[in-house]
Amino acid sequence: MFRYVVETERRFYLANDVKLEARDADGGRTYFEIELGDAWVWDMYRPARFVSSVRVVTFKDVNVEEIPEKEM
């Protein structure tokens, strides 16, 4: 089972490891860099959904939720 649910503006992920960092870009904008380990990616165009690691960079909102242990 997975420990985290991660949503971005383009995709939905389930993962066991999540690292999220907010970074400053040129021009004062903030972006997010997300590293996921042992993940499942929802993308209808992707042939393989299970991946060992994923790196996502986005200027949009990111939602990370830890799945309660009782739901696993």
N, C-alpha and C. Protein backbone atom coordinates (compact mmCIF):
# COMPACT_ATOMS: atom_id res chain seq x y z
N MET A 1 0.84 -1.18 0.00
CA MET A 1 0.00 0.00 0.00
C MET A 1 0.88 1.25 0.00
N PHE A 2 0.26 2.36 -0.27
CA PHE A 2 0.99 3.63 -0.35
C PHE A 2 0.70 4.49 0.87
N ARG A 3 1.66 5.32 1.23
CA ARG A 3 1.54 6.18 2.42
C ARG A 3 1.03 7.58 2.11
N TYR A 4 1.25 8.06 0.86
CA TYR A 4 0.90 9.44 0.52
C TYR A 4 0.09 9.53 -0.77
N VAL A 5 -0.78 10.54 -0.81
CA VAL A 5 -1.49 10.93 -2.02
C VAL A 5 -0.94 12.30 -2.39
N VAL A 6 -0.52 12.47 -3.65
CA VAL A 6 0.03 13.74 -4.11
C VAL A 6 -0.75 14.16 -5.35
N GLU A 7 -1.26 15.40 -5.33
CA GLU A 7 -2.00 15.93 -6.47
C GLU A 7 -1.31 17.20 -6.97
N THR A 8 -1.12 17.27 -8.28
CA THR A 8 -0.65 18.49 -8.92
C THR A 8 -1.71 18.90 -9.92
N GLU A 9 -1.47 19.98 -10.63
CA GLU A 9 -2.47 20.45 -11.61
C GLU A 9 -2.62 19.49 -12.78
N ARG A 10 -1.66 18.61 -12.99
CA ARG A 10 -1.70 17.73 -14.16
C ARG A 10 -1.83 16.25 -13.85
N ARG A 11 -1.40 15.83 -12.66
CA ARG A 11 -1.37 14.40 -12.38
C ARG A 11 -1.72 14.09 -10.93
N PHE A 12 -1.95 12.81 -10.72
CA PHE A 12 -2.28 12.26 -9.41
C PHE A 12 -1.27 11.16 -9.13
N TYR A 13 -0.71 11.14 -7.94
CA TYR A 13 0.32 10.16 -7.58
C TYR A 13 -0.03 9.49 -6.26
N LEU A 14 0.38 8.25 -6.12
CA LEU A 14 0.41 7.56 -4.84
C LEU A 14 1.88 7.20 -4.62
N ALA A 15 2.39 7.40 -3.41
CA ALA A 15 3.82 7.16 -3.18
C ALA A 15 4.07 6.75 -1.74
N ASN A 16 5.20 6.10 -1.53
CA ASN A 16 5.62 5.74 -0.18
C ASN A 16 6.61 6.74 0.41
N ASP A 17 7.31 7.49 -0.43
CA ASP A 17 8.25 8.52 0.03
C ASP A 17 7.97 9.80 -0.73
N VAL A 18 7.89 10.93 0.00
CA VAL A 18 7.64 12.23 -0.63
C VAL A 18 8.56 13.26 0.00
N LYS A 19 9.24 14.02 -0.86
CA LYS A 19 10.04 15.17 -0.42
C LYS A 19 9.54 16.36 -1.23
N LEU A 20 9.14 17.42 -0.54
CA LEU A 20 8.60 18.62 -1.19
C LEU A 20 9.42 19.82 -0.75
N GLU A 21 9.91 20.59 -1.72
CA GLU A 21 10.68 21.79 -1.42
C GLU A 21 10.14 22.95 -2.24
N ALA A 22 9.92 24.08 -1.57
CA ALA A 22 9.56 25.32 -2.26
C ALA A 22 10.86 26.04 -2.61
N ARG A 23 10.94 26.52 -3.84
CA ARG A 23 12.15 27.20 -4.30
C ARG A 23 11.78 28.52 -4.96
N ASP A 24 12.71 29.45 -4.94
CA ASP A 24 12.49 30.75 -5.58
C ASP A 24 13.12 30.76 -6.96
N ALA A 25 12.34 31.19 -7.93
CA ALA A 25 12.82 31.30 -9.31
C ALA A 25 13.18 32.76 -9.57
N ASP A 26 13.85 32.99 -10.69
CA ASP A 26 14.13 34.35 -11.10
C ASP A 26 12.81 35.08 -11.30
N GLY A 27 12.76 36.34 -10.93
CA GLY A 27 11.53 37.09 -11.07
C GLY A 27 10.63 37.01 -9.85
N GLY A 28 11.11 36.37 -8.79
CA GLY A 28 10.35 36.32 -7.55
C GLY A 28 9.24 35.29 -7.48
N ARG A 29 9.11 34.45 -8.47
CA ARG A 29 8.08 33.41 -8.43
C ARG A 29 8.58 32.21 -7.63
N THR A 30 7.67 31.53 -6.98
CA THR A 30 7.99 30.33 -6.22
C THR A 30 7.53 29.11 -7.00
N TYR A 31 8.38 28.09 -7.02
CA TYR A 31 7.99 26.83 -7.63
C TYR A 31 8.25 25.71 -6.64
N PHE A 32 7.66 24.56 -6.92
CA PHE A 32 7.79 23.41 -6.04
C PHE A 32 8.52 22.29 -6.75
N GLU A 33 9.44 21.68 -6.03
CA GLU A 33 10.14 20.51 -6.53
C GLU A 33 9.74 19.34 -5.64
N ILE A 34 9.19 18.31 -6.26
CA ILE A 34 8.68 17.15 -5.53
C ILE A 34 9.44 15.92 -5.98
N GLU A 35 9.94 15.16 -5.03
CA GLU A 35 10.59 13.88 -5.34
C GLU A 35 9.76 12.78 -4.68
N LEU A 36 9.37 11.81 -5.49
CA LEU A 36 8.55 10.70 -5.01
C LEU A 36 9.31 9.40 -5.18
N GLY A 37 9.21 8.52 -4.21
CA GLY A 37 9.83 7.21 -4.29
C GLY A 37 8.78 6.13 -4.20
N ASP A 38 9.00 5.04 -4.91
CA ASP A 38 8.07 3.91 -4.92
C ASP A 38 6.66 4.42 -5.20
N ALA A 39 6.44 4.87 -6.43
CA ALA A 39 5.23 5.61 -6.76
C ALA A 39 4.39 4.95 -7.85
N TRP A 40 3.14 5.37 -7.87
CA TRP A 40 2.18 5.01 -8.91
C TRP A 40 1.70 6.33 -9.49
N VAL A 41 1.71 6.45 -10.81
CA VAL A 41 1.38 7.71 -11.49
C VAL A 41 0.11 7.53 -12.31
N TRP A 42 -0.88 8.42 -12.09
CA TRP A 42 -2.07 8.40 -12.93
C TRP A 42 -1.84 9.35 -14.10
N ASP A 43 -1.65 8.78 -15.27
CA ASP A 43 -1.49 9.52 -16.52
C ASP A 43 -1.98 8.59 -17.61
N MET A 44 -3.08 8.94 -18.26
CA MET A 44 -3.68 8.03 -19.23
C MET A 44 -2.80 7.73 -20.43
N TYR A 45 -1.79 8.56 -20.68
CA TYR A 45 -0.89 8.34 -21.81
C TYR A 45 0.36 7.56 -21.44
N ARG A 46 0.51 7.23 -20.17
CA ARG A 46 1.73 6.57 -19.69
C ARG A 46 1.57 5.06 -19.78
N PRO A 47 2.49 4.36 -20.43
CA PRO A 47 2.36 2.91 -20.56
C PRO A 47 2.62 2.16 -19.24
N ALA A 48 3.52 2.67 -18.40
CA ALA A 48 3.83 2.02 -17.12
C ALA A 48 3.50 3.00 -16.00
N ARG A 49 2.67 2.57 -15.08
CA ARG A 49 2.24 3.47 -14.01
C ARG A 49 3.08 3.33 -12.73
N PHE A 50 3.67 2.17 -12.49
CA PHE A 50 4.51 1.98 -11.31
C PHE A 50 5.94 2.38 -11.63
N VAL A 51 6.52 3.28 -10.82
CA VAL A 51 7.88 3.76 -11.05
C VAL A 51 8.63 3.80 -9.73
N SER A 52 9.94 3.64 -9.80
CA SER A 52 10.74 3.65 -8.56
C SER A 52 10.98 5.07 -8.06
N SER A 53 11.09 6.04 -8.97
CA SER A 53 11.27 7.44 -8.54
C SER A 53 10.70 8.39 -9.58
N VAL A 54 10.21 9.52 -9.08
CA VAL A 54 9.61 10.56 -9.92
C VAL A 54 10.09 11.90 -9.40
N ARG A 55 10.39 12.81 -10.30
CA ARG A 55 10.72 14.20 -9.93
C ARG A 55 9.74 15.10 -10.68
N VAL A 56 9.06 15.96 -9.94
CA VAL A 56 8.06 16.86 -10.50
C VAL A 56 8.47 18.28 -10.15
N VAL A 57 8.39 19.18 -11.12
CA VAL A 57 8.63 20.61 -10.90
C VAL A 57 7.40 21.35 -11.39
N THR A 58 6.83 22.20 -10.53
CA THR A 58 5.61 22.91 -10.91
C THR A 58 5.54 24.28 -10.25
N PHE A 59 4.92 25.22 -10.95
CA PHE A 59 4.64 26.54 -10.39
C PHE A 59 3.22 26.59 -9.82
N LYS A 60 2.47 25.54 -9.98
CA LYS A 60 1.07 25.48 -9.54
C LYS A 60 0.96 24.86 -8.15
N ASP A 61 -0.26 24.78 -7.66
CA ASP A 61 -0.52 24.21 -6.34
C ASP A 61 -0.17 22.73 -6.28
N VAL A 62 0.25 22.31 -5.10
CA VAL A 62 0.55 20.90 -4.84
C VAL A 62 -0.17 20.51 -3.55
N ASN A 63 -0.81 19.38 -3.56
CA ASN A 63 -1.48 18.87 -2.37
C ASN A 63 -0.84 17.53 -2.00
N VAL A 64 -0.36 17.43 -0.76
CA VAL A 64 0.23 16.18 -0.27
C VAL A 64 -0.55 15.78 0.98
N GLU A 65 -1.06 14.57 0.97
CA GLU A 65 -1.79 14.05 2.13
C GLU A 65 -1.21 12.71 2.54
N GLU A 66 -1.02 12.55 3.84
CA GLU A 66 -0.59 11.25 4.34
C GLU A 66 -1.84 10.41 4.59
N ILE A 67 -1.85 9.21 4.06
CA ILE A 67 -2.99 8.32 4.21
C ILE A 67 -2.97 7.77 5.64
N PRO A 68 -4.06 7.93 6.38
CA PRO A 68 -4.09 7.39 7.74
C PRO A 68 -3.86 5.88 7.73
N GLU A 69 -3.13 5.42 8.72
CA GLU A 69 -2.76 4.00 8.77
C GLU A 69 -3.98 3.08 8.79
N LYS A 70 -5.06 3.53 9.38
CA LYS A 70 -6.27 2.69 9.44
C LYS A 70 -6.90 2.49 8.07
N GLU A 71 -6.60 3.36 7.09
CA GLU A 71 -7.14 3.23 5.74
C GLU A 71 -6.25 2.37 4.85
N MET A 72 -5.06 2.02 5.33
CA MET A 72 -4.15 1.23 4.49
C MET A 72 -4.43 -0.23 4.55
